[in-house]
Amino acid sequence: MLRYGQFEPPERRQPQVVEDYARWCLSRLRTLEPRLEREPFLCAGRFTAADVSVGYALLLAGHVGLGERFKPAVSAYWERLQRRPAFRRALAVEREAALAQGVSPEPAMATGRSF
């Protein structure tokens, strides 16, 4: 998605490839929806490394503009993860590090929503 939607020069971009990858990415979330309709987290009824892993994938999906296409239970789960105090602290540390390096703390890609 990034390569053919943003990184390639405009004349080499491939909107159909981007949409194909977007559909593939979103199809991977299909198995999460029913589970997240019943459970607040993915394993053992509590926050685990599985949530960190899936949360990172959702973060990346949001950065490429797919967040608005999440199904309701996945959207609610992503919102829950973003409200966690540790997530908020990690964002603050990331922002401080970016600023210290003279890099914009704002993602260059479309986020779909703010944290």
PDB file of N, CA and C in Angstrom:
ATOM      1  N   MET A   1       0.819  -1.189   0.000  1.00  0.00           N
ATOM      2  CA  MET A   1       0.000   0.000   0.000  1.00  0.00           C
ATOM      3  C   MET A   1       0.860   1.248   0.000  1.00  0.00           C
ATOM      4  N   LEU A   2       1.867   1.253   0.862  1.00  0.00           N
ATOM      5  CA  LEU A   2       2.724   2.433   0.930  1.00  0.00           C
ATOM      6  C   LEU A   2       3.502   2.635  -0.360  1.00  0.00           C
ATOM      7  N   ARG A   3       4.069   1.553  -0.862  1.00  0.00           N
ATOM      8  CA  ARG A   3       4.873   1.687  -2.073  1.00  0.00           C
ATOM      9  C   ARG A   3       4.053   2.250  -3.222  1.00  0.00           C
ATOM     10  N   TYR A   4       2.932   1.587  -3.532  1.00  0.00           N
ATOM     11  CA  TYR A   4       2.172   1.985  -4.714  1.00  0.00           C
ATOM     12  C   TYR A   4       1.176   3.114  -4.470  1.00  0.00           C
ATOM     13  N   GLY A   5       0.994   3.494  -3.223  1.00  0.00           N
ATOM     14  CA  GLY A   5       0.093   4.593  -2.920  1.00  0.00           C
ATOM     15  C   GLY A   5       0.779   5.887  -2.552  1.00  0.00           C
ATOM     16  N   GLN A   6       2.044   5.796  -2.053  1.00  0.00           N
ATOM     17  CA  GLN A   6       2.686   7.013  -1.565  1.00  0.00           C
ATOM     18  C   GLN A   6       4.161   7.134  -1.926  1.00  0.00           C
ATOM     19  N   PHE A   7       4.902   6.023  -1.902  1.00  0.00           N
ATOM     20  CA  PHE A   7       6.349   6.125  -2.081  1.00  0.00           C
ATOM     21  C   PHE A   7       6.793   6.244  -3.533  1.00  0.00           C
ATOM     22  N   GLU A   8       6.080   5.616  -4.433  1.00  0.00           N
ATOM     23  CA  GLU A   8       6.445   5.694  -5.850  1.00  0.00           C
ATOM     24  C   GLU A   8       6.150   7.098  -6.377  1.00  0.00           C
ATOM     25  N   PRO A   9       6.883   7.524  -7.408  1.00  0.00           N
ATOM     26  CA  PRO A   9       6.536   8.804  -8.035  1.00  0.00           C
ATOM     27  C   PRO A   9       5.098   8.732  -8.570  1.00  0.00           C
ATOM     28  N   PRO A  10       4.436   9.864  -8.646  1.00  0.00           N
ATOM     29  CA  PRO A  10       3.024   9.855  -9.064  1.00  0.00           C
ATOM     30  C   PRO A  10       2.741   9.046 -10.332  1.00  0.00           C
ATOM     31  N   GLU A  11       3.615   9.099 -11.295  1.00  0.00           N
ATOM     32  CA  GLU A  11       3.353   8.380 -12.552  1.00  0.00           C
ATOM     33  C   GLU A  11       3.462   6.854 -12.399  1.00  0.00           C
ATOM     34  N   ARG A  12       4.057   6.378 -11.317  1.00  0.00           N
ATOM     35  CA  ARG A  12       4.199   4.930 -11.101  1.00  0.00           C
ATOM     36  C   ARG A  12       3.234   4.389 -10.046  1.00  0.00           C
ATOM     37  N   ARG A  13       2.430   5.241  -9.475  1.00  0.00           N
ATOM     38  CA  ARG A  13       1.489   4.782  -8.458  1.00  0.00           C
ATOM     39  C   ARG A  13       0.403   3.918  -9.099  1.00  0.00           C
ATOM     40  N   GLN A  14      -0.091   2.983  -8.314  1.00  0.00           N
ATOM     41  CA  GLN A  14      -1.065   2.009  -8.811  1.00  0.00           C
ATOM     42  C   GLN A  14      -2.276   1.953  -7.867  1.00  0.00           C
ATOM     43  N   PRO A  15      -3.285   2.781  -8.095  1.00  0.00           N
ATOM     44  CA  PRO A  15      -4.440   2.801  -7.193  1.00  0.00           C
ATOM     45  C   PRO A  15      -5.123   1.437  -7.049  1.00  0.00           C
ATOM     46  N   GLN A  16      -5.180   0.648  -8.110  1.00  0.00           N
ATOM     47  CA  GLN A  16      -5.836  -0.665  -8.000  1.00  0.00           C
ATOM     48  C   GLN A  16      -5.046  -1.604  -7.100  1.00  0.00           C
ATOM     49  N   VAL A  17      -3.729  -1.535  -7.161  1.00  0.00           N
ATOM     50  CA  VAL A  17      -2.892  -2.359  -6.281  1.00  0.00           C
ATOM     51  C   VAL A  17      -3.114  -1.932  -4.825  1.00  0.00           C
ATOM     52  N   VAL A  18      -3.177  -0.645  -4.590  1.00  0.00           N
ATOM     53  CA  VAL A  18      -3.419  -0.129  -3.240  1.00  0.00           C
ATOM     54  C   VAL A  18      -4.761  -0.651  -2.720  1.00  0.00           C
ATOM     55  N   GLU A  19      -5.793  -0.578  -3.538  1.00  0.00           N
ATOM     56  CA  GLU A  19      -7.111  -1.052  -3.106  1.00  0.00           C
ATOM     57  C   GLU A  19      -7.117  -2.561  -2.887  1.00  0.00           C
ATOM     58  N   ASP A  20      -6.419  -3.308  -3.727  1.00  0.00           N
ATOM     59  CA  ASP A  20      -6.331  -4.759  -3.537  1.00  0.00           C
ATOM     60  C   ASP A  20      -5.674  -5.088  -2.198  1.00  0.00           C
ATOM     61  N   TYR A  21      -4.578  -4.425  -1.881  1.00  0.00           N
ATOM     62  CA  TYR A  21      -3.909  -4.650  -0.601  1.00  0.00           C
ATOM     63  C   TYR A  21      -4.773  -4.186   0.569  1.00  0.00           C
ATOM     64  N   ALA A  22      -5.501  -3.113   0.385  1.00  0.00           N
ATOM     65  CA  ALA A  22      -6.394  -2.638   1.445  1.00  0.00           C
ATOM     66  C   ALA A  22      -7.456  -3.693   1.747  1.00  0.00           C
ATOM     67  N   ARG A  23      -8.050  -4.237   0.708  1.00  0.00           N
ATOM     68  CA  ARG A  23      -9.073  -5.280   0.909  1.00  0.00           C
ATOM     69  C   ARG A  23      -8.467  -6.507   1.587  1.00  0.00           C
ATOM     70  N   TRP A  24      -7.244  -6.884   1.192  1.00  0.00           N
ATOM     71  CA  TRP A  24      -6.575  -8.024   1.809  1.00  0.00           C
ATOM     72  C   TRP A  24      -6.338  -7.752   3.293  1.00  0.00           C
ATOM     73  N   CYS A  25      -5.822  -6.567   3.595  1.00  0.00           N
ATOM     74  CA  CYS A  25      -5.548  -6.196   4.987  1.00  0.00           C
ATOM     75  C   CYS A  25      -6.831  -6.245   5.815  1.00  0.00           C
ATOM     76  N   LEU A  26      -7.882  -5.652   5.314  1.00  0.00           N
ATOM     77  CA  LEU A  26      -9.145  -5.621   6.051  1.00  0.00           C
ATOM     78  C   LEU A  26      -9.745  -7.017   6.190  1.00  0.00           C
ATOM     79  N   SER A  27      -9.527  -7.887   5.207  1.00  0.00           N
ATOM     80  CA  SER A  27     -10.044  -9.251   5.307  1.00  0.00           C
ATOM     81  C   SER A  27      -9.377 -10.013   6.443  1.00  0.00           C
ATOM     82  N   ARG A  28      -8.148  -9.638   6.795  1.00  0.00           N
ATOM     83  CA  ARG A  28      -7.437 -10.286   7.894  1.00  0.00           C
ATOM     84  C   ARG A  28      -8.118  -9.968   9.230  1.00  0.00           C
ATOM     85  N   LEU A  29      -8.854  -8.879   9.286  1.00  0.00           N
ATOM     86  CA  LEU A  29      -9.546  -8.494  10.519  1.00  0.00           C
ATOM     87  C   LEU A  29     -10.882  -9.222  10.690  1.00  0.00           C
ATOM     88  N   ARG A  30     -11.300  -9.909   9.644  1.00  0.00           N
ATOM     89  CA  ARG A  30     -12.601 -10.583   9.636  1.00  0.00           C
ATOM     90  C   ARG A  30     -12.754 -11.552  10.814  1.00  0.00           C
ATOM     91  N   THR A  31     -11.686 -12.260  11.168  1.00  0.00           N
ATOM     92  CA  THR A  31     -11.783 -13.221  12.270  1.00  0.00           C
ATOM     93  C   THR A  31     -11.804 -12.546  13.638  1.00  0.00           C
ATOM     94  N   LEU A  32     -11.329 -11.314  13.704  1.00  0.00           N
ATOM     95  CA  LEU A  32     -11.328 -10.592  14.979  1.00  0.00           C
ATOM     96  C   LEU A  32     -12.715 -10.104  15.384  1.00  0.00           C
ATOM     97  N   GLU A  33     -13.475  -9.689  14.407  1.00  0.00           N
ATOM     98  CA  GLU A  33     -14.763  -9.045  14.695  1.00  0.00           C
ATOM     99  C   GLU A  33     -15.647  -9.877  15.625  1.00  0.00           C
ATOM    100  N   PRO A  34     -15.913 -11.155  15.320  1.00  0.00           N
ATOM    101  CA  PRO A  34     -16.790 -11.925  16.218  1.00  0.00           C
ATOM    102  C   PRO A  34     -16.215 -12.081  17.628  1.00  0.00           C
ATOM    103  N   ARG A  35     -14.921 -12.279  17.722  1.00  0.00           N
ATOM    104  CA  ARG A  35     -14.300 -12.430  19.045  1.00  0.00           C
ATOM    105  C   ARG A  35     -14.413 -11.134  19.841  1.00  0.00           C
ATOM    106  N   LEU A  36     -14.150 -10.007  19.178  1.00  0.00           N
ATOM    107  CA  LEU A  36     -14.182  -8.725  19.872  1.00  0.00           C
ATOM    108  C   LEU A  36     -15.603  -8.263  20.178  1.00  0.00           C
ATOM    109  N   GLU A  37     -16.582  -8.874  19.558  1.00  0.00           N
ATOM    110  CA  GLU A  37     -17.969  -8.607  19.941  1.00  0.00           C
ATOM    111  C   GLU A  37     -18.283  -9.227  21.298  1.00  0.00           C
ATOM    112  N   ARG A  38     -17.518 -10.289  21.664  1.00  0.00           N
ATOM    113  CA  ARG A  38     -17.753 -11.007  22.920  1.00  0.00           C
ATOM    114  C   ARG A  38     -16.752 -10.683  24.013  1.00  0.00           C
ATOM    115  N   GLU A  39     -15.531 -10.331  23.634  1.00  0.00           N
ATOM    116  CA  GLU A  39     -14.434 -10.172  24.583  1.00  0.00           C
ATOM    117  C   GLU A  39     -13.781  -8.798  24.441  1.00  0.00           C
ATOM    118  N   PRO A  40     -13.305  -8.211  25.541  1.00  0.00           N
ATOM    119  CA  PRO A  40     -12.646  -6.904  25.434  1.00  0.00           C
ATOM    120  C   PRO A  40     -11.222  -6.990  24.876  1.00  0.00           C
ATOM    121  N   PHE A  41     -10.564  -8.158  25.057  1.00  0.00           N
ATOM    122  CA  PHE A  41      -9.201  -8.363  24.582  1.00  0.00           C
ATOM    123  C   PHE A  41      -9.117  -9.713  23.886  1.00  0.00           C
ATOM    124  N   LEU A  42      -7.982 -10.014  23.294  1.00  0.00           N
ATOM    125  CA  LEU A  42      -7.871 -11.199  22.451  1.00  0.00           C
ATOM    126  C   LEU A  42      -7.648 -12.508  23.195  1.00  0.00           C
ATOM    127  N   CYS A  43      -6.939 -12.481  24.316  1.00  0.00           N
ATOM    128  CA  CYS A  43      -6.587 -13.718  25.033  1.00  0.00           C
ATOM    129  C   CYS A  43      -6.817 -13.576  26.529  1.00  0.00           C
ATOM    130  N   ALA A  44      -7.260 -14.644  27.125  1.00  0.00           N
ATOM    131  CA  ALA A  44      -7.333 -14.766  28.584  1.00  0.00           C
ATOM    132  C   ALA A  44      -8.171 -13.687  29.262  1.00  0.00           C
ATOM    133  N   GLY A  45      -9.006 -12.996  28.511  1.00  0.00           N
ATOM    134  CA  GLY A  45      -9.859 -11.967  29.098  1.00  0.00           C
ATOM    135  C   GLY A  45      -9.127 -10.757  29.620  1.00  0.00           C
ATOM    136  N   ARG A  46      -7.866 -10.588  29.195  1.00  0.00           N
ATOM    137  CA  ARG A  46      -7.082  -9.446  29.666  1.00  0.00           C
ATOM    138  C   ARG A  46      -6.115  -9.001  28.571  1.00  0.00           C
ATOM    139  N   PHE A  47      -5.507  -7.866  28.761  1.00  0.00           N
ATOM    140  CA  PHE A  47      -4.532  -7.316  27.825  1.00  0.00           C
ATOM    141  C   PHE A  47      -3.273  -8.185  27.837  1.00  0.00           C
ATOM    142  N   THR A  48      -2.842  -8.637  26.647  1.00  0.00           N
ATOM    143  CA  THR A  48      -1.648  -9.486  26.529  1.00  0.00           C
ATOM    144  C   THR A  48      -0.804  -9.017  25.336  1.00  0.00           C
ATOM    145  N   ALA A  49       0.288  -9.735  25.097  1.00  0.00           N
ATOM    146  CA  ALA A  49       1.143  -9.437  23.951  1.00  0.00           C
ATOM    147  C   ALA A  49       0.374  -9.558  22.636  1.00  0.00           C
ATOM    148  N   ALA A  50      -0.631 -10.405  22.602  1.00  0.00           N
ATOM    149  CA  ALA A  50      -1.448 -10.521  21.386  1.00  0.00           C
ATOM    150  C   ALA A  50      -2.095  -9.179  21.053  1.00  0.00           C
ATOM    151  N   ASP A  51      -2.534  -8.463  22.074  1.00  0.00           N
ATOM    152  CA  ASP A  51      -3.149  -7.149  21.855  1.00  0.00           C
ATOM    153  C   ASP A  51      -2.121  -6.131  21.379  1.00  0.00           C
ATOM    154  N   VAL A  52      -0.896  -6.236  21.872  1.00  0.00           N
ATOM    155  CA  VAL A  52       0.173  -5.347  21.401  1.00  0.00           C
ATOM    156  C   VAL A  52       0.420  -5.589  19.921  1.00  0.00           C
ATOM    157  N   SER A  53       0.516  -6.854  19.536  1.00  0.00           N
ATOM    158  CA  SER A  53       0.784  -7.211  18.146  1.00  0.00           C
ATOM    159  C   SER A  53      -0.336  -6.750  17.220  1.00  0.00           C
ATOM    160  N   VAL A  54      -1.554  -7.072  17.569  1.00  0.00           N
ATOM    161  CA  VAL A  54      -2.699  -6.674  16.731  1.00  0.00           C
ATOM    162  C   VAL A  54      -2.880  -5.157  16.775  1.00  0.00           C
ATOM    163  N   GLY A  55      -2.665  -4.559  17.931  1.00  0.00           N
ATOM    164  CA  GLY A  55      -2.777  -3.103  18.036  1.00  0.00           C
ATOM    165  C   GLY A  55      -1.800  -2.397  17.116  1.00  0.00           C
ATOM    166  N   TYR A  56      -0.589  -2.925  17.004  1.00  0.00           N
ATOM    167  CA  TYR A  56       0.395  -2.322  16.101  1.00  0.00           C
ATOM    168  C   TYR A  56      -0.083  -2.411  14.652  1.00  0.00           C
ATOM    169  N   ALA A  57      -0.646  -3.542  14.276  1.00  0.00           N
ATOM    170  CA  ALA A  57      -1.186  -3.682  12.923  1.00  0.00           C
ATOM    171  C   ALA A  57      -2.317  -2.675  12.682  1.00  0.00           C
ATOM    172  N   LEU A  58      -3.159  -2.469  13.691  1.00  0.00           N
ATOM    173  CA  LEU A  58      -4.251  -1.498  13.556  1.00  0.00           C
ATOM    174  C   LEU A  58      -3.703  -0.074  13.469  1.00  0.00           C
ATOM    175  N   LEU A  59      -2.653   0.207  14.228  1.00  0.00           N
ATOM    176  CA  LEU A  59      -2.004   1.515  14.146  1.00  0.00           C
ATOM    177  C   LEU A  59      -1.513   1.766  12.723  1.00  0.00           C
ATOM    178  N   LEU A  60      -0.810   0.801  12.156  1.00  0.00           N
ATOM    179  CA  LEU A  60      -0.312   0.947  10.786  1.00  0.00           C
ATOM    180  C   LEU A  60      -1.461   1.081   9.787  1.00  0.00           C
ATOM    181  N   ALA A  61      -2.495   0.281   9.971  1.00  0.00           N
ATOM    182  CA  ALA A  61      -3.654   0.373   9.080  1.00  0.00           C
ATOM    183  C   ALA A  61      -4.275   1.768   9.156  1.00  0.00           C
ATOM    184  N   GLY A  62      -4.326   2.331  10.348  1.00  0.00           N
ATOM    185  CA  GLY A  62      -4.845   3.689  10.498  1.00  0.00           C
ATOM    186  C   GLY A  62      -3.978   4.707   9.780  1.00  0.00           C
ATOM    187  N   HIS A  63      -2.663   4.503   9.833  1.00  0.00           N
ATOM    188  CA  HIS A  63      -1.745   5.433   9.170  1.00  0.00           C
ATOM    189  C   HIS A  63      -1.905   5.440   7.655  1.00  0.00           C
ATOM    190  N   VAL A  64      -2.381   4.352   7.093  1.00  0.00           N
ATOM    191  CA  VAL A  64      -2.584   4.322   5.635  1.00  0.00           C
ATOM    192  C   VAL A  64      -4.042   4.556   5.264  1.00  0.00           C
ATOM    193  N   GLY A  65      -4.828   5.025   6.228  1.00  0.00           N
ATOM    194  CA  GLY A  65      -6.194   5.440   5.926  1.00  0.00           C
ATOM    195  C   GLY A  65      -7.250   4.358   6.002  1.00  0.00           C
ATOM    196  N   LEU A  66      -6.952   3.222   6.610  1.00  0.00           N
ATOM    197  CA  LEU A  66      -7.936   2.138   6.666  1.00  0.00           C
ATOM    198  C   LEU A  66      -8.790   2.156   7.932  1.00  0.00           C
ATOM    199  N   GLY A  67      -8.449   2.987   8.892  1.00  0.00           N
ATOM    200  CA  GLY A  67      -9.179   3.006  10.155  1.00  0.00           C
ATOM    201  C   GLY A  67     -10.667   3.232  10.008  1.00  0.00           C
ATOM    202  N   GLU A  68     -11.050   4.074   9.089  1.00  0.00           N
ATOM    203  CA  GLU A  68     -12.482   4.340   8.915  1.00  0.00           C
ATOM    204  C   GLU A  68     -13.220   3.154   8.291  1.00  0.00           C
ATOM    205  N   ARG A  69     -12.475   2.155   7.845  1.00  0.00           N
ATOM    206  CA  ARG A  69     -13.095   0.963   7.245  1.00  0.00           C
ATOM    207  C   ARG A  69     -13.138  -0.222   8.207  1.00  0.00           C
ATOM    208  N   PHE A  70     -12.688  -0.032   9.448  1.00  0.00           N
ATOM    209  CA  PHE A  70     -12.778  -1.103  10.439  1.00  0.00           C
ATOM    210  C   PHE A  70     -14.243  -1.361  10.757  1.00  0.00           C
ATOM    211  N   LYS A  71     -14.569  -2.604  11.039  1.00  0.00           N
ATOM    212  CA  LYS A  71     -15.919  -2.961  11.491  1.00  0.00           C
ATOM    213  C   LYS A  71     -16.106  -2.444  12.927  1.00  0.00           C
ATOM    214  N   PRO A  72     -17.349  -2.353  13.405  1.00  0.00           N
ATOM    215  CA  PRO A  72     -17.610  -1.740  14.720  1.00  0.00           C
ATOM    216  C   PRO A  72     -16.836  -2.338  15.897  1.00  0.00           C
ATOM    217  N   ALA A  73     -16.787  -3.652  16.016  1.00  0.00           N
ATOM    218  CA  ALA A  73     -16.095  -4.239  17.177  1.00  0.00           C
ATOM    219  C   ALA A  73     -14.595  -3.998  17.108  1.00  0.00           C
ATOM    220  N   VAL A  74     -14.012  -4.030  15.912  1.00  0.00           N
ATOM    221  CA  VAL A  74     -12.580  -3.744  15.759  1.00  0.00           C
ATOM    222  C   VAL A  74     -12.322  -2.276  16.079  1.00  0.00           C
ATOM    223  N   SER A  75     -13.187  -1.385  15.613  1.00  0.00           N
ATOM    224  CA  SER A  75     -13.038   0.043  15.929  1.00  0.00           C
ATOM    225  C   SER A  75     -13.101   0.290  17.428  1.00  0.00           C
ATOM    226  N   ALA A  76     -14.051  -0.343  18.102  1.00  0.00           N
ATOM    227  CA  ALA A  76     -14.189  -0.170  19.553  1.00  0.00           C
ATOM    228  C   ALA A  76     -12.967  -0.718  20.278  1.00  0.00           C
ATOM    229  N   TYR A  77     -12.450  -1.837  19.826  1.00  0.00           N
ATOM    230  CA  TYR A  77     -11.238  -2.428  20.404  1.00  0.00           C
ATOM    231  C   TYR A  77     -10.054  -1.494  20.220  1.00  0.00           C
ATOM    232  N   TRP A  78      -9.876  -0.960  19.020  1.00  0.00           N
ATOM    233  CA  TRP A  78      -8.770  -0.039  18.745  1.00  0.00           C
ATOM    234  C   TRP A  78      -8.890   1.202  19.635  1.00  0.00           C
ATOM    235  N   GLU A  79     -10.085   1.704  19.805  1.00  0.00           N
ATOM    236  CA  GLU A  79     -10.296   2.850  20.700  1.00  0.00           C
ATOM    237  C   GLU A  79      -9.902   2.488  22.137  1.00  0.00           C
ATOM    238  N   ARG A  80     -10.273   1.284  22.591  1.00  0.00           N
ATOM    239  CA  ARG A  80      -9.898   0.834  23.938  1.00  0.00           C
ATOM    240  C   ARG A  80      -8.387   0.778  24.102  1.00  0.00           C
ATOM    241  N   LEU A  81      -7.719   0.237  23.108  1.00  0.00           N
ATOM    242  CA  LEU A  81      -6.256   0.149  23.179  1.00  0.00           C
ATOM    243  C   LEU A  81      -5.632   1.538  23.248  1.00  0.00           C
ATOM    244  N   GLN A  82      -6.164   2.475  22.468  1.00  0.00           N
ATOM    245  CA  GLN A  82      -5.615   3.833  22.454  1.00  0.00           C
ATOM    246  C   GLN A  82      -5.854   4.590  23.760  1.00  0.00           C
ATOM    247  N   ARG A  83      -6.855   4.198  24.520  1.00  0.00           N
ATOM    248  CA  ARG A  83      -7.139   4.851  25.802  1.00  0.00           C
ATOM    249  C   ARG A  83      -6.268   4.329  26.941  1.00  0.00           C
ATOM    250  N   ARG A  84      -5.559   3.246  26.708  1.00  0.00           N
ATOM    251  CA  ARG A  84      -4.711   2.686  27.776  1.00  0.00           C
ATOM    252  C   ARG A  84      -3.625   3.690  28.159  1.00  0.00           C
ATOM    253  N   PRO A  85      -3.401   3.883  29.451  1.00  0.00           N
ATOM    254  CA  PRO A  85      -2.366   4.831  29.886  1.00  0.00           C
ATOM    255  C   PRO A  85      -0.980   4.539  29.301  1.00  0.00           C
ATOM    256  N   ALA A  86      -0.624   3.278  29.192  1.00  0.00           N
ATOM    257  CA  ALA A  86       0.694   2.939  28.639  1.00  0.00           C
ATOM    258  C   ALA A  86       0.796   3.353  27.169  1.00  0.00           C
ATOM    259  N   PHE A  87      -0.282   3.238  26.429  1.00  0.00           N
ATOM    260  CA  PHE A  87      -0.287   3.671  25.033  1.00  0.00           C
ATOM    261  C   PHE A  87      -0.073   5.186  24.962  1.00  0.00           C
ATOM    262  N   ARG A  88      -0.769   5.895  25.816  1.00  0.00           N
ATOM    263  CA  ARG A  88      -0.623   7.355  25.865  1.00  0.00           C
ATOM    264  C   ARG A  88       0.809   7.763  26.215  1.00  0.00           C
ATOM    265  N   ARG A  89       1.395   7.065  27.181  1.00  0.00           N
ATOM    266  CA  ARG A  89       2.785   7.363  27.553  1.00  0.00           C
ATOM    267  C   ARG A  89       3.737   7.067  26.391  1.00  0.00           C
ATOM    268  N   ALA A  90       3.511   5.961  25.696  1.00  0.00           N
ATOM    269  CA  ALA A  90       4.367   5.616  24.555  1.00  0.00           C
ATOM    270  C   ALA A  90       4.274   6.684  23.466  1.00  0.00           C
ATOM    271  N   LEU A  91       3.084   7.195  23.218  1.00  0.00           N
ATOM    272  CA  LEU A  91       2.931   8.267  22.220  1.00  0.00           C
ATOM    273  C   LEU A  91       3.695   9.516  22.642  1.00  0.00           C
ATOM    274  N   ALA A  92       3.650   9.834  23.929  1.00  0.00           N
ATOM    275  CA  ALA A  92       4.365  11.018  24.426  1.00  0.00           C
ATOM    276  C   ALA A  92       5.875  10.846  24.261  1.00  0.00           C
ATOM    277  N   VAL A  93       6.385   9.670  24.573  1.00  0.00           N
ATOM    278  CA  VAL A  93       7.822   9.398  24.418  1.00  0.00           C
ATOM    279  C   VAL A  93       8.206   9.471  22.942  1.00  0.00           C
ATOM    280  N   GLU A  94       7.372   8.891  22.088  1.00  0.00           N
ATOM    281  CA  GLU A  94       7.630   8.929  20.643  1.00  0.00           C
ATOM    282  C   GLU A  94       7.671  10.367  20.140  1.00  0.00           C
ATOM    283  N   ARG A  95       6.734  11.173  20.600  1.00  0.00           N
ATOM    284  CA  ARG A  95       6.684  12.584  20.195  1.00  0.00           C
ATOM    285  C   ARG A  95       7.935  13.330  20.652  1.00  0.00           C
ATOM    286  N   GLU A  96       8.321  13.141  21.903  1.00  0.00           N
ATOM    287  CA  GLU A  96       9.514  13.803  22.425  1.00  0.00           C
ATOM    288  C   GLU A  96      10.762  13.398  21.638  1.00  0.00           C
ATOM    289  N   ALA A  97      10.887  12.115  21.314  1.00  0.00           N
ATOM    290  CA  ALA A  97      12.047  11.640  20.555  1.00  0.00           C
ATOM    291  C   ALA A  97      12.064  12.244  19.158  1.00  0.00           C
ATOM    292  N   ALA A  98      10.912  12.333  18.528  1.00  0.00           N
ATOM    293  CA  ALA A  98      10.841  12.933  17.190  1.00  0.00           C
ATOM    294  C   ALA A  98      11.270  14.391  17.238  1.00  0.00           C
ATOM    295  N   LEU A  99      10.732  15.124  18.197  1.00  0.00           N
ATOM    296  CA  LEU A  99      11.080  16.539  18.315  1.00  0.00           C
ATOM    297  C   LEU A  99      12.566  16.723  18.601  1.00  0.00           C
ATOM    298  N   ALA A 100      13.134  15.870  19.454  1.00  0.00           N
ATOM    299  CA  ALA A 100      14.557  15.956  19.784  1.00  0.00           C
ATOM    300  C   ALA A 100      15.436  15.703  18.563  1.00  0.00           C
ATOM    301  N   GLN A 101      14.910  14.939  17.607  1.00  0.00           N
ATOM    302  CA  GLN A 101      15.657  14.622  16.395  1.00  0.00           C
ATOM    303  C   GLN A 101      15.331  15.581  15.245  1.00  0.00           C
ATOM    304  N   GLY A 102      14.475  16.545  15.517  1.00  0.00           N
ATOM    305  CA  GLY A 102      14.101  17.492  14.480  1.00  0.00           C
ATOM    306  C   GLY A 102      13.172  16.910  13.429  1.00  0.00           C
ATOM    307  N   VAL A 103      12.425  15.877  13.820  1.00  0.00           N
ATOM    308  CA  VAL A 103      11.493  15.209  12.911  1.00  0.00           C
ATOM    309  C   VAL A 103      10.079  15.579  13.329  1.00  0.00           C
ATOM    310  N   SER A 104       9.213  15.763  12.352  1.00  0.00           N
ATOM    311  CA  SER A 104       7.823  16.050  12.683  1.00  0.00           C
ATOM    312  C   SER A 104       7.213  14.863  13.423  1.00  0.00           C
ATOM    313  N   PRO A 105       6.556  15.112  14.541  1.00  0.00           N
ATOM    314  CA  PRO A 105       5.929  14.012  15.278  1.00  0.00           C
ATOM    315  C   PRO A 105       4.635  13.534  14.628  1.00  0.00           C
ATOM    316  N   GLU A 106       4.158  14.240  13.638  1.00  0.00           N
ATOM    317  CA  GLU A 106       2.922  13.855  12.964  1.00  0.00           C
ATOM    318  C   GLU A 106       3.231  12.866  11.850  1.00  0.00           C
ATOM    319  N   PRO A 107       2.450  11.785  11.761  1.00  0.00           N
ATOM    320  CA  PRO A 107       2.676  10.827  10.679  1.00  0.00           C
ATOM    321  C   PRO A 107       2.508  11.493   9.320  1.00  0.00           C
ATOM    322  N   ALA A 108       3.339  11.116   8.395  1.00  0.00           N
ATOM    323  CA  ALA A 108       3.244  11.659   7.042  1.00  0.00           C
ATOM    324  C   ALA A 108       2.068  11.053   6.289  1.00  0.00           C
ATOM    325  N   MET A 109       1.576   9.918   6.758  1.00  0.00           N
ATOM    326  CA  MET A 109       0.481   9.220   6.101  1.00  0.00           C
ATOM    327  C   MET A 109      -0.839   9.653   6.707  1.00  0.00           C
ATOM    328  N   ALA A 110      -1.911   9.384   5.986  1.00  0.00           N
ATOM    329  CA  ALA A 110      -3.248   9.695   6.492  1.00  0.00           C
ATOM    330  C   ALA A 110      -3.551   8.810   7.691  1.00  0.00           C
ATOM    331  N   THR A 111      -4.012   9.385   8.761  1.00  0.00           N
ATOM    332  CA  THR A 111      -4.306   8.601   9.954  1.00  0.00           C
ATOM    333  C   THR A 111      -5.768   8.228  10.065  1.00  0.00           C
ATOM    334  N   GLY A 112      -6.621   8.946   9.429  1.00  0.00           N
ATOM    335  CA  GLY A 112      -8.038   8.634   9.542  1.00  0.00           C
ATOM    336  C   GLY A 112      -8.668   9.181  10.810  1.00  0.00           C
ATOM    337  N   ARG A 113      -7.915   9.246  11.887  1.00  0.00           N
ATOM    338  CA  ARG A 113      -8.406   9.804  13.151  1.00  0.00           C
ATOM    339  C   ARG A 113      -7.214  10.121  14.027  1.00  0.00           C
ATOM    340  N   SER A 114      -7.433  10.961  14.975  1.00  0.00           N
ATOM    341  CA  SER A 114      -6.332  11.312  15.880  1.00  0.00           C
ATOM    342  C   SER A 114      -6.314  10.355  17.054  1.00  0.00           C
ATOM    343  N   PHE A 115      -5.199  10.284  17.721  1.00  0.00           N
ATOM    344  CA  PHE A 115      -5.079   9.445  18.896  1.00  0.00           C
ATOM    345  C   PHE A 115      -5.605  10.233  20.062  1.00  0.00           C
TER     346      PHE A 115
END
